[in-house]
N, C-alpha and C. Protein backbone atom coordinates (compact mmCIF):
# COMPACT_ATOMS: atom_id res chain seq x y z
N MET A 1 -19.47 -19.70 -5.15
CA MET A 1 -18.97 -18.50 -4.50
C MET A 1 -17.92 -17.86 -5.43
N ASN A 2 -18.01 -16.54 -5.62
CA ASN A 2 -17.03 -15.87 -6.49
C ASN A 2 -15.74 -15.57 -5.72
N LYS A 3 -14.72 -15.18 -6.46
CA LYS A 3 -13.40 -14.93 -5.88
C LYS A 3 -13.46 -13.88 -4.77
N GLN A 4 -14.18 -12.78 -5.01
CA GLN A 4 -14.26 -11.72 -4.01
C GLN A 4 -14.89 -12.22 -2.72
N ALA A 5 -15.94 -13.00 -2.81
CA ALA A 5 -16.60 -13.53 -1.61
C ALA A 5 -15.66 -14.46 -0.85
N GLU A 6 -14.90 -15.28 -1.57
CA GLU A 6 -13.94 -16.18 -0.93
C GLU A 6 -12.86 -15.38 -0.21
N ILE A 7 -12.37 -14.35 -0.88
CA ILE A 7 -11.34 -13.50 -0.28
C ILE A 7 -11.88 -12.81 0.97
N GLU A 8 -13.08 -12.25 0.87
CA GLU A 8 -13.67 -11.55 2.02
C GLU A 8 -13.82 -12.47 3.22
N LYS A 9 -14.18 -13.70 2.98
CA LYS A 9 -14.31 -14.67 4.08
C LYS A 9 -12.98 -14.82 4.82
N GLU A 10 -11.89 -14.88 4.06
CA GLU A 10 -10.56 -15.00 4.68
C GLU A 10 -10.12 -13.71 5.35
N LEU A 11 -10.49 -12.57 4.78
CA LEU A 11 -10.08 -11.28 5.35
C LEU A 11 -10.67 -11.05 6.73
N THR A 12 -11.83 -11.63 7.01
CA THR A 12 -12.46 -11.43 8.33
C THR A 12 -11.61 -11.98 9.47
N GLN A 13 -10.64 -12.82 9.15
CA GLN A 13 -9.75 -13.40 10.17
C GLN A 13 -8.58 -12.49 10.53
N LEU A 14 -8.45 -11.38 9.81
CA LEU A 14 -7.30 -10.48 10.00
C LEU A 14 -7.71 -9.19 10.71
N PRO A 15 -6.75 -8.54 11.37
CA PRO A 15 -7.06 -7.29 12.09
C PRO A 15 -7.12 -6.07 11.16
N ILE A 16 -7.98 -6.18 10.15
CA ILE A 16 -8.20 -5.07 9.22
C ILE A 16 -9.31 -4.20 9.80
N LEU A 17 -9.09 -2.90 9.80
CA LEU A 17 -10.12 -1.99 10.32
C LEU A 17 -11.22 -1.81 9.29
N GLU A 18 -10.86 -1.38 8.08
CA GLU A 18 -11.84 -1.16 7.02
C GLU A 18 -11.26 -1.62 5.70
N TYR A 19 -12.12 -2.02 4.78
CA TYR A 19 -11.68 -2.32 3.43
C TYR A 19 -12.83 -2.07 2.47
N VAL A 20 -12.46 -1.86 1.22
CA VAL A 20 -13.45 -1.67 0.17
C VAL A 20 -12.88 -2.20 -1.14
N PHE A 21 -13.73 -2.89 -1.89
CA PHE A 21 -13.36 -3.33 -3.23
C PHE A 21 -13.79 -2.23 -4.20
N LEU A 22 -12.99 -2.03 -5.25
CA LEU A 22 -13.29 -0.97 -6.19
C LEU A 22 -12.75 -1.33 -7.57
N GLU A 23 -13.21 -0.59 -8.54
CA GLU A 23 -12.68 -0.72 -9.89
C GLU A 23 -11.39 0.11 -9.95
N PRO A 24 -10.36 -0.38 -10.63
CA PRO A 24 -9.13 0.40 -10.75
C PRO A 24 -9.36 1.80 -11.35
N SER A 25 -10.40 1.95 -12.14
CA SER A 25 -10.69 3.27 -12.72
C SER A 25 -11.08 4.29 -11.64
N ALA A 26 -11.41 3.82 -10.43
CA ALA A 26 -11.76 4.73 -9.33
C ALA A 26 -10.53 5.20 -8.55
N ILE A 27 -9.38 4.66 -8.88
CA ILE A 27 -8.15 5.09 -8.20
C ILE A 27 -7.83 6.51 -8.64
N ILE A 28 -7.51 7.35 -7.68
CA ILE A 28 -7.20 8.75 -7.96
C ILE A 28 -5.68 8.92 -8.04
N PHE A 29 -5.20 9.23 -9.23
CA PHE A 29 -3.78 9.43 -9.47
C PHE A 29 -3.50 10.93 -9.59
N SER A 30 -2.29 11.33 -9.18
CA SER A 30 -1.90 12.72 -9.30
C SER A 30 -0.38 12.83 -9.39
N LYS A 31 0.06 13.60 -10.33
CA LYS A 31 1.50 13.88 -10.46
C LYS A 31 2.01 14.63 -9.23
N GLU A 32 1.13 15.39 -8.55
CA GLU A 32 1.55 16.15 -7.37
C GLU A 32 2.01 15.23 -6.25
N VAL A 33 1.40 14.05 -6.13
CA VAL A 33 1.83 13.11 -5.10
C VAL A 33 3.26 12.66 -5.40
N ARG A 34 3.53 12.38 -6.66
CA ARG A 34 4.89 11.98 -7.06
C ARG A 34 5.86 13.13 -6.82
N ASP A 35 5.42 14.36 -7.05
CA ASP A 35 6.29 15.50 -6.80
C ASP A 35 6.74 15.52 -5.34
N LEU A 36 5.86 15.12 -4.43
CA LEU A 36 6.23 15.04 -3.01
C LEU A 36 7.33 14.00 -2.82
N CYS A 37 7.19 12.86 -3.52
CA CYS A 37 8.24 11.83 -3.46
C CYS A 37 9.56 12.40 -3.95
N GLU A 38 9.52 13.10 -5.06
CA GLU A 38 10.74 13.64 -5.64
C GLU A 38 11.37 14.70 -4.74
N GLY A 39 10.56 15.32 -3.87
CA GLY A 39 11.09 16.25 -2.88
C GLY A 39 11.85 15.55 -1.78
N ASN A 40 11.71 14.24 -1.70
CA ASN A 40 12.45 13.35 -0.81
C ASN A 40 12.27 13.64 0.68
N GLY A 41 11.06 14.04 1.06
CA GLY A 41 10.77 14.29 2.47
C GLY A 41 10.96 13.07 3.35
N CYS A 42 10.74 11.88 2.81
CA CYS A 42 10.88 10.66 3.61
C CYS A 42 12.29 10.06 3.51
N GLY A 43 13.11 10.57 2.60
CA GLY A 43 14.47 10.08 2.46
C GLY A 43 14.60 8.80 1.64
N MET A 44 13.52 8.36 0.99
CA MET A 44 13.55 7.10 0.25
C MET A 44 13.70 7.28 -1.27
N TYR A 45 13.54 8.51 -1.76
CA TYR A 45 13.61 8.74 -3.20
C TYR A 45 14.96 8.29 -3.74
N ASN A 46 14.92 7.52 -4.83
CA ASN A 46 16.12 7.04 -5.53
C ASN A 46 17.01 6.16 -4.65
N THR A 47 16.40 5.47 -3.67
CA THR A 47 17.18 4.58 -2.80
C THR A 47 16.59 3.18 -2.70
N SER A 48 15.42 2.94 -3.33
CA SER A 48 14.70 1.69 -3.11
C SER A 48 13.94 1.27 -4.36
N TRP A 49 13.81 -0.04 -4.54
CA TRP A 49 13.00 -0.58 -5.63
C TRP A 49 11.53 -0.25 -5.44
N ALA A 50 11.11 0.12 -4.24
CA ALA A 50 9.71 0.39 -3.94
C ALA A 50 9.32 1.85 -4.16
N CYS A 51 10.29 2.67 -4.51
CA CYS A 51 10.04 4.11 -4.62
C CYS A 51 10.50 4.63 -5.98
N PRO A 52 10.09 5.86 -6.31
CA PRO A 52 10.56 6.46 -7.55
C PRO A 52 12.07 6.70 -7.48
N PRO A 53 12.73 6.67 -8.57
CA PRO A 53 12.23 6.45 -9.92
C PRO A 53 12.08 4.97 -10.29
N ALA A 54 12.47 4.05 -9.40
CA ALA A 54 12.48 2.62 -9.72
C ALA A 54 11.11 2.07 -10.12
N VAL A 55 10.03 2.62 -9.57
CA VAL A 55 8.69 2.09 -9.87
C VAL A 55 8.17 2.52 -11.24
N GLY A 56 8.85 3.45 -11.88
CA GLY A 56 8.40 3.95 -13.17
C GLY A 56 7.70 5.29 -13.02
N SER A 57 7.31 5.85 -14.13
CA SER A 57 6.61 7.14 -14.11
C SER A 57 5.20 6.97 -13.57
N VAL A 58 4.55 8.06 -13.20
CA VAL A 58 3.16 7.99 -12.75
C VAL A 58 2.30 7.37 -13.84
N GLU A 59 2.57 7.74 -15.09
CA GLU A 59 1.80 7.20 -16.21
C GLU A 59 1.98 5.69 -16.32
N GLN A 60 3.21 5.21 -16.15
CA GLN A 60 3.47 3.76 -16.19
C GLN A 60 2.79 3.05 -15.02
N CYS A 61 2.85 3.65 -13.85
CA CYS A 61 2.19 3.06 -12.67
C CYS A 61 0.68 3.01 -12.86
N MET A 62 0.15 4.07 -13.41
CA MET A 62 -1.29 4.14 -13.69
C MET A 62 -1.69 3.02 -14.65
N GLN A 63 -0.92 2.83 -15.70
CA GLN A 63 -1.22 1.77 -16.68
C GLN A 63 -1.14 0.39 -16.04
N LYS A 64 -0.17 0.18 -15.14
CA LYS A 64 -0.07 -1.10 -14.42
C LYS A 64 -1.35 -1.35 -13.64
N CYS A 65 -1.80 -0.34 -12.90
CA CYS A 65 -3.01 -0.47 -12.07
C CYS A 65 -4.25 -0.71 -12.92
N LEU A 66 -4.38 0.05 -13.99
CA LEU A 66 -5.57 -0.04 -14.82
C LEU A 66 -5.64 -1.35 -15.61
N ALA A 67 -4.55 -2.10 -15.64
CA ALA A 67 -4.55 -3.40 -16.33
C ALA A 67 -5.23 -4.49 -15.50
N TYR A 68 -5.50 -4.22 -14.23
CA TYR A 68 -6.17 -5.19 -13.36
C TYR A 68 -7.68 -5.02 -13.41
N ASP A 69 -8.40 -6.09 -13.05
CA ASP A 69 -9.87 -6.08 -13.03
C ASP A 69 -10.45 -5.38 -11.81
N LYS A 70 -9.79 -5.59 -10.65
CA LYS A 70 -10.34 -5.10 -9.38
C LYS A 70 -9.21 -4.63 -8.48
N ALA A 71 -9.61 -3.87 -7.46
CA ALA A 71 -8.67 -3.43 -6.44
C ALA A 71 -9.36 -3.50 -5.09
N MET A 72 -8.56 -3.58 -4.04
CA MET A 72 -9.09 -3.50 -2.68
C MET A 72 -8.16 -2.59 -1.88
N LEU A 73 -8.74 -1.60 -1.25
CA LEU A 73 -8.02 -0.69 -0.36
C LEU A 73 -8.38 -1.09 1.06
N PHE A 74 -7.39 -1.20 1.94
CA PHE A 74 -7.69 -1.56 3.33
C PHE A 74 -6.83 -0.78 4.30
N THR A 75 -7.30 -0.74 5.55
CA THR A 75 -6.60 0.01 6.60
C THR A 75 -6.43 -0.83 7.85
N THR A 76 -5.42 -0.44 8.61
CA THR A 76 -5.28 -0.86 10.00
C THR A 76 -5.10 0.44 10.79
N ALA A 77 -5.46 0.40 12.03
CA ALA A 77 -5.27 1.58 12.89
C ALA A 77 -4.73 1.10 14.23
N SER A 78 -3.85 1.91 14.79
CA SER A 78 -3.24 1.57 16.09
C SER A 78 -3.27 2.79 16.99
N GLU A 79 -3.50 2.52 18.27
CA GLU A 79 -3.43 3.59 19.27
C GLU A 79 -1.98 3.81 19.66
N MET A 80 -1.69 5.05 20.01
CA MET A 80 -0.34 5.41 20.42
C MET A 80 -0.42 6.21 21.71
N ALA A 81 0.72 6.37 22.37
CA ALA A 81 0.76 7.14 23.62
C ALA A 81 0.40 8.60 23.36
N SER A 82 0.84 9.13 22.21
CA SER A 82 0.52 10.50 21.83
C SER A 82 0.73 10.61 20.32
N SER A 83 0.32 11.72 19.75
CA SER A 83 0.52 11.90 18.32
C SER A 83 1.99 12.11 17.96
N PHE A 84 2.84 12.30 18.97
CA PHE A 84 4.27 12.47 18.75
C PHE A 84 5.07 11.21 19.09
N ASP A 85 4.39 10.10 19.30
CA ASP A 85 4.99 8.83 19.67
C ASP A 85 5.59 8.15 18.43
N MET A 86 6.81 8.52 18.07
CA MET A 86 7.44 7.99 16.86
C MET A 86 7.67 6.49 16.94
N GLU A 87 7.99 5.98 18.13
CA GLU A 87 8.14 4.53 18.29
C GLU A 87 6.80 3.84 18.03
N GLY A 88 5.73 4.46 18.49
CA GLY A 88 4.39 3.92 18.24
C GLY A 88 4.05 3.90 16.77
N TRP A 89 4.43 4.96 16.05
CA TRP A 89 4.20 5.03 14.60
C TRP A 89 4.93 3.89 13.90
N MET A 90 6.20 3.68 14.28
CA MET A 90 7.00 2.63 13.64
C MET A 90 6.44 1.24 13.98
N ARG A 91 6.09 1.03 15.22
CA ARG A 91 5.52 -0.26 15.65
C ARG A 91 4.23 -0.52 14.86
N ALA A 92 3.38 0.49 14.73
CA ALA A 92 2.13 0.35 13.99
C ALA A 92 2.40 0.06 12.52
N ARG A 93 3.42 0.67 11.97
CA ARG A 93 3.76 0.42 10.56
C ARG A 93 4.22 -1.01 10.37
N VAL A 94 5.07 -1.51 11.26
CA VAL A 94 5.54 -2.89 11.17
C VAL A 94 4.35 -3.85 11.29
N GLU A 95 3.43 -3.56 12.20
CA GLU A 95 2.24 -4.40 12.35
C GLU A 95 1.39 -4.35 11.08
N HIS A 96 1.23 -3.15 10.51
CA HIS A 96 0.46 -3.01 9.28
C HIS A 96 1.10 -3.81 8.15
N GLU A 97 2.41 -3.73 8.03
CA GLU A 97 3.10 -4.48 6.98
C GLU A 97 2.93 -5.99 7.18
N GLY A 98 2.86 -6.44 8.44
CA GLY A 98 2.59 -7.85 8.71
C GLY A 98 1.21 -8.25 8.22
N VAL A 99 0.23 -7.38 8.44
CA VAL A 99 -1.13 -7.63 7.94
C VAL A 99 -1.12 -7.61 6.41
N THR A 100 -0.37 -6.68 5.83
CA THR A 100 -0.27 -6.60 4.38
C THR A 100 0.31 -7.90 3.82
N ASP A 101 1.31 -8.47 4.49
CA ASP A 101 1.86 -9.77 4.06
C ASP A 101 0.77 -10.84 4.06
N GLN A 102 -0.05 -10.85 5.10
CA GLN A 102 -1.13 -11.85 5.18
C GLN A 102 -2.18 -11.63 4.09
N VAL A 103 -2.52 -10.38 3.84
CA VAL A 103 -3.49 -10.07 2.78
C VAL A 103 -2.90 -10.49 1.43
N ALA A 104 -1.63 -10.19 1.21
CA ALA A 104 -0.98 -10.58 -0.05
C ALA A 104 -1.04 -12.09 -0.23
N ASP A 105 -0.80 -12.84 0.84
CA ASP A 105 -0.86 -14.31 0.75
C ASP A 105 -2.25 -14.78 0.34
N ILE A 106 -3.28 -14.15 0.89
CA ILE A 106 -4.66 -14.53 0.54
C ILE A 106 -4.92 -14.25 -0.94
N PHE A 107 -4.60 -13.07 -1.39
CA PHE A 107 -4.86 -12.71 -2.79
C PHE A 107 -4.05 -13.57 -3.75
N ARG A 108 -2.83 -13.89 -3.38
CA ARG A 108 -1.98 -14.67 -4.28
C ARG A 108 -2.43 -16.13 -4.41
N GLN A 109 -3.30 -16.57 -3.51
CA GLN A 109 -3.91 -17.89 -3.68
C GLN A 109 -4.84 -17.89 -4.90
N TYR A 110 -5.41 -16.72 -5.20
CA TYR A 110 -6.39 -16.58 -6.27
C TYR A 110 -5.81 -15.95 -7.53
N ASP A 111 -4.79 -15.13 -7.36
CA ASP A 111 -4.15 -14.46 -8.49
C ASP A 111 -2.67 -14.27 -8.16
N LYS A 112 -1.84 -15.13 -8.68
CA LYS A 112 -0.40 -15.08 -8.39
C LYS A 112 0.23 -13.77 -8.84
N ASN A 113 -0.41 -13.06 -9.76
CA ASN A 113 0.14 -11.82 -10.29
C ASN A 113 -0.47 -10.57 -9.68
N SER A 114 -1.12 -10.71 -8.53
CA SER A 114 -1.70 -9.51 -7.91
C SER A 114 -0.58 -8.53 -7.55
N LEU A 115 -0.94 -7.26 -7.55
CA LEU A 115 0.01 -6.19 -7.24
C LEU A 115 -0.35 -5.63 -5.88
N VAL A 116 0.62 -5.59 -4.98
CA VAL A 116 0.40 -5.10 -3.62
C VAL A 116 1.16 -3.79 -3.46
N LEU A 117 0.44 -2.77 -3.01
CA LEU A 117 1.03 -1.46 -2.71
C LEU A 117 0.82 -1.19 -1.23
N SER A 118 1.79 -0.58 -0.60
CA SER A 118 1.64 -0.35 0.84
C SER A 118 2.17 1.02 1.25
N THR A 119 2.78 1.08 2.42
CA THR A 119 3.10 2.36 3.04
C THR A 119 4.56 2.77 2.89
N GLU A 120 4.79 3.98 2.54
CA GLU A 120 6.07 4.67 2.71
C GLU A 120 7.30 3.92 2.25
N GLY A 121 7.21 3.11 1.25
CA GLY A 121 8.40 2.43 0.74
C GLY A 121 8.81 1.23 1.57
N CYS A 122 9.60 0.41 0.99
CA CYS A 122 10.02 -0.86 1.58
C CYS A 122 11.13 -0.64 2.60
N THR A 123 11.08 -1.38 3.69
CA THR A 123 12.15 -1.34 4.69
C THR A 123 12.60 -2.75 5.08
N LEU A 124 12.38 -3.71 4.18
CA LEU A 124 12.77 -5.09 4.49
C LEU A 124 14.27 -5.23 4.73
N CYS A 125 15.06 -4.59 3.91
CA CYS A 125 16.51 -4.74 4.00
C CYS A 125 17.12 -3.49 4.64
N LYS A 126 18.17 -3.71 5.38
CA LYS A 126 18.87 -2.57 5.98
C LYS A 126 19.38 -1.63 4.89
N LYS A 127 19.90 -2.22 3.80
CA LYS A 127 20.33 -1.45 2.63
C LYS A 127 19.77 -2.12 1.40
N CYS A 128 18.98 -1.37 0.64
CA CYS A 128 18.37 -1.88 -0.59
C CYS A 128 19.45 -2.11 -1.65
N THR A 129 19.22 -3.08 -2.51
CA THR A 129 20.14 -3.37 -3.60
C THR A 129 20.02 -2.37 -4.75
N TYR A 130 18.99 -1.52 -4.71
CA TYR A 130 18.75 -0.55 -5.78
C TYR A 130 19.93 0.40 -5.90
N PRO A 131 20.39 0.73 -7.06
CA PRO A 131 20.02 0.25 -8.40
C PRO A 131 20.97 -0.82 -8.93
N ASP A 132 21.85 -1.33 -8.07
CA ASP A 132 22.96 -2.18 -8.52
C ASP A 132 22.62 -3.65 -8.74
N ALA A 133 21.58 -4.14 -8.09
CA ALA A 133 21.22 -5.55 -8.20
C ALA A 133 19.71 -5.69 -8.03
N PRO A 134 19.15 -6.81 -8.47
CA PRO A 134 17.70 -7.02 -8.31
C PRO A 134 17.29 -7.06 -6.83
N CYS A 135 16.04 -6.80 -6.59
CA CYS A 135 15.48 -6.87 -5.24
C CYS A 135 15.68 -8.28 -4.68
N ARG A 136 16.07 -8.37 -3.42
CA ARG A 136 16.28 -9.67 -2.76
C ARG A 136 14.96 -10.38 -2.47
N PHE A 137 13.90 -9.62 -2.23
CA PHE A 137 12.61 -10.18 -1.81
C PHE A 137 11.46 -9.59 -2.64
N PRO A 138 11.44 -9.82 -3.95
CA PRO A 138 10.42 -9.17 -4.78
C PRO A 138 8.98 -9.53 -4.40
N GLU A 139 8.77 -10.69 -3.81
CA GLU A 139 7.41 -11.08 -3.40
C GLU A 139 6.95 -10.36 -2.13
N ARG A 140 7.87 -9.74 -1.41
CA ARG A 140 7.51 -9.02 -0.19
C ARG A 140 7.80 -7.53 -0.27
N MET A 141 8.31 -7.08 -1.40
CA MET A 141 8.61 -5.67 -1.60
C MET A 141 7.35 -5.04 -2.21
N TYR A 142 6.71 -4.21 -1.41
CA TYR A 142 5.48 -3.56 -1.85
C TYR A 142 5.77 -2.08 -2.11
N PRO A 143 5.65 -1.64 -3.35
CA PRO A 143 5.82 -0.21 -3.60
C PRO A 143 4.82 0.61 -2.78
N ALA A 144 5.21 1.81 -2.46
CA ALA A 144 4.33 2.71 -1.72
C ALA A 144 3.19 3.18 -2.63
N THR A 145 1.98 3.26 -2.07
CA THR A 145 0.85 3.77 -2.85
C THR A 145 1.19 5.16 -3.40
N GLU A 146 1.81 5.98 -2.58
CA GLU A 146 2.17 7.32 -3.00
C GLU A 146 3.19 7.30 -4.13
N SER A 147 4.09 6.30 -4.13
CA SER A 147 5.09 6.23 -5.20
C SER A 147 4.43 6.00 -6.55
N TYR A 148 3.23 5.43 -6.53
CA TYR A 148 2.46 5.23 -7.76
C TYR A 148 1.66 6.47 -8.13
N GLY A 149 1.74 7.52 -7.31
CA GLY A 149 0.99 8.74 -7.59
C GLY A 149 -0.46 8.65 -7.11
N ILE A 150 -0.74 7.74 -6.20
CA ILE A 150 -2.12 7.53 -5.72
C ILE A 150 -2.41 8.46 -4.55
N MET A 151 -3.51 9.16 -4.64
CA MET A 151 -3.93 10.11 -3.61
C MET A 151 -4.81 9.38 -2.59
N VAL A 152 -4.18 8.79 -1.60
CA VAL A 152 -4.87 7.95 -0.62
C VAL A 152 -5.90 8.75 0.17
N MET A 153 -5.57 9.95 0.59
CA MET A 153 -6.50 10.74 1.41
C MET A 153 -7.80 11.02 0.64
N GLN A 154 -7.69 11.40 -0.61
CA GLN A 154 -8.88 11.69 -1.40
C GLN A 154 -9.66 10.40 -1.71
N MET A 155 -8.95 9.31 -1.93
CA MET A 155 -9.63 8.03 -2.17
C MET A 155 -10.40 7.59 -0.94
N ALA A 156 -9.78 7.74 0.23
CA ALA A 156 -10.45 7.34 1.47
C ALA A 156 -11.76 8.11 1.61
N SER A 157 -11.72 9.38 1.38
CA SER A 157 -12.93 10.19 1.47
C SER A 157 -13.98 9.74 0.46
N ALA A 158 -13.56 9.55 -0.78
CA ALA A 158 -14.50 9.15 -1.84
C ALA A 158 -15.10 7.77 -1.57
N LEU A 159 -14.32 6.89 -0.92
CA LEU A 159 -14.77 5.52 -0.67
C LEU A 159 -15.38 5.34 0.71
N LYS A 160 -15.49 6.45 1.46
CA LYS A 160 -16.08 6.44 2.80
C LYS A 160 -15.29 5.57 3.78
N ILE A 161 -13.96 5.66 3.69
CA ILE A 161 -13.06 4.99 4.63
C ILE A 161 -12.42 6.08 5.47
N SER A 162 -12.31 5.85 6.76
CA SER A 162 -11.73 6.84 7.66
C SER A 162 -10.23 6.99 7.41
N TYR A 163 -9.81 8.21 7.18
CA TYR A 163 -8.39 8.51 7.02
C TYR A 163 -7.77 8.77 8.38
N ASN A 164 -8.55 9.37 9.26
CA ASN A 164 -8.12 9.68 10.61
C ASN A 164 -9.08 8.98 11.57
N ASN A 165 -8.55 8.16 12.44
CA ASN A 165 -9.40 7.40 13.37
C ASN A 165 -9.33 7.92 14.80
N GLY A 166 -9.08 9.22 14.94
CA GLY A 166 -9.14 9.85 16.25
C GLY A 166 -7.77 10.23 16.79
N ALA A 167 -7.81 10.95 17.89
CA ALA A 167 -6.59 11.40 18.54
C ALA A 167 -5.74 10.21 18.97
N ASN A 168 -4.45 10.39 18.88
CA ASN A 168 -3.49 9.38 19.32
C ASN A 168 -3.67 8.03 18.62
N THR A 169 -4.01 8.09 17.34
CA THR A 169 -4.05 6.89 16.52
C THR A 169 -3.29 7.17 15.23
N VAL A 170 -2.83 6.11 14.62
CA VAL A 170 -2.24 6.20 13.29
C VAL A 170 -2.95 5.16 12.43
N THR A 171 -3.31 5.58 11.22
CA THR A 171 -4.00 4.70 10.28
C THR A 171 -3.08 4.51 9.08
N TYR A 172 -2.87 3.25 8.71
CA TYR A 172 -2.07 2.92 7.54
C TYR A 172 -2.95 2.27 6.48
N PHE A 173 -2.59 2.51 5.22
CA PHE A 173 -3.35 2.02 4.07
C PHE A 173 -2.48 1.12 3.21
N SER A 174 -3.10 0.10 2.63
CA SER A 174 -2.49 -0.71 1.59
C SER A 174 -3.54 -0.97 0.52
N MET A 175 -3.07 -1.36 -0.66
CA MET A 175 -3.98 -1.65 -1.76
C MET A 175 -3.50 -2.91 -2.48
N VAL A 176 -4.45 -3.72 -2.90
CA VAL A 176 -4.13 -4.90 -3.71
C VAL A 176 -4.92 -4.79 -5.00
N LEU A 177 -4.24 -4.99 -6.10
CA LEU A 177 -4.90 -5.03 -7.42
C LEU A 177 -4.82 -6.46 -7.91
N PHE A 178 -5.92 -6.96 -8.48
CA PHE A 178 -5.97 -8.37 -8.85
C PHE A 178 -6.93 -8.58 -10.02
N ASN A 179 -6.82 -9.74 -10.62
CA ASN A 179 -7.71 -10.12 -11.71
C ASN A 179 -8.68 -11.19 -11.24
N GLU A 180 -9.90 -11.06 -11.72
CA GLU A 180 -10.93 -12.04 -11.32
C GLU A 180 -10.88 -13.25 -12.20
């Protein structure tokens, strides 16, 4: 059994909605996504090891990703009371990050150097050590896919993964890059 088949067997035990394995060359990068980060709409720019500028330039992030043999993009989706249910969004994000931790553990059994990217920057610590000290939890700090300049919406479409799973739901994405 190859590594991917072994991983897939373990993934079936997790509450993942959809996933797809792909070549890193299929990842869609765009400087425009990083420009959104630099606009600081989420308030995380220049405050976290998981976000720009700490993650490096888009070109550096691209080179990191392209150095891996394979990637896997996956989603979780959660129902909410309404599309304006901010508590529901946060609860779903925490649940997604828990699944991302489990996926990371599976991949790291096969490749200790796998790279895990997730949602909207890290929120493990109340106050990040950036830029004054190293990350307290580097094994659980997952840079945001967007911080790497990755266009998740376009990738989902190209890979036939649902970006929107219906009214009153939120869908979160994570990606793992690994070597076979």
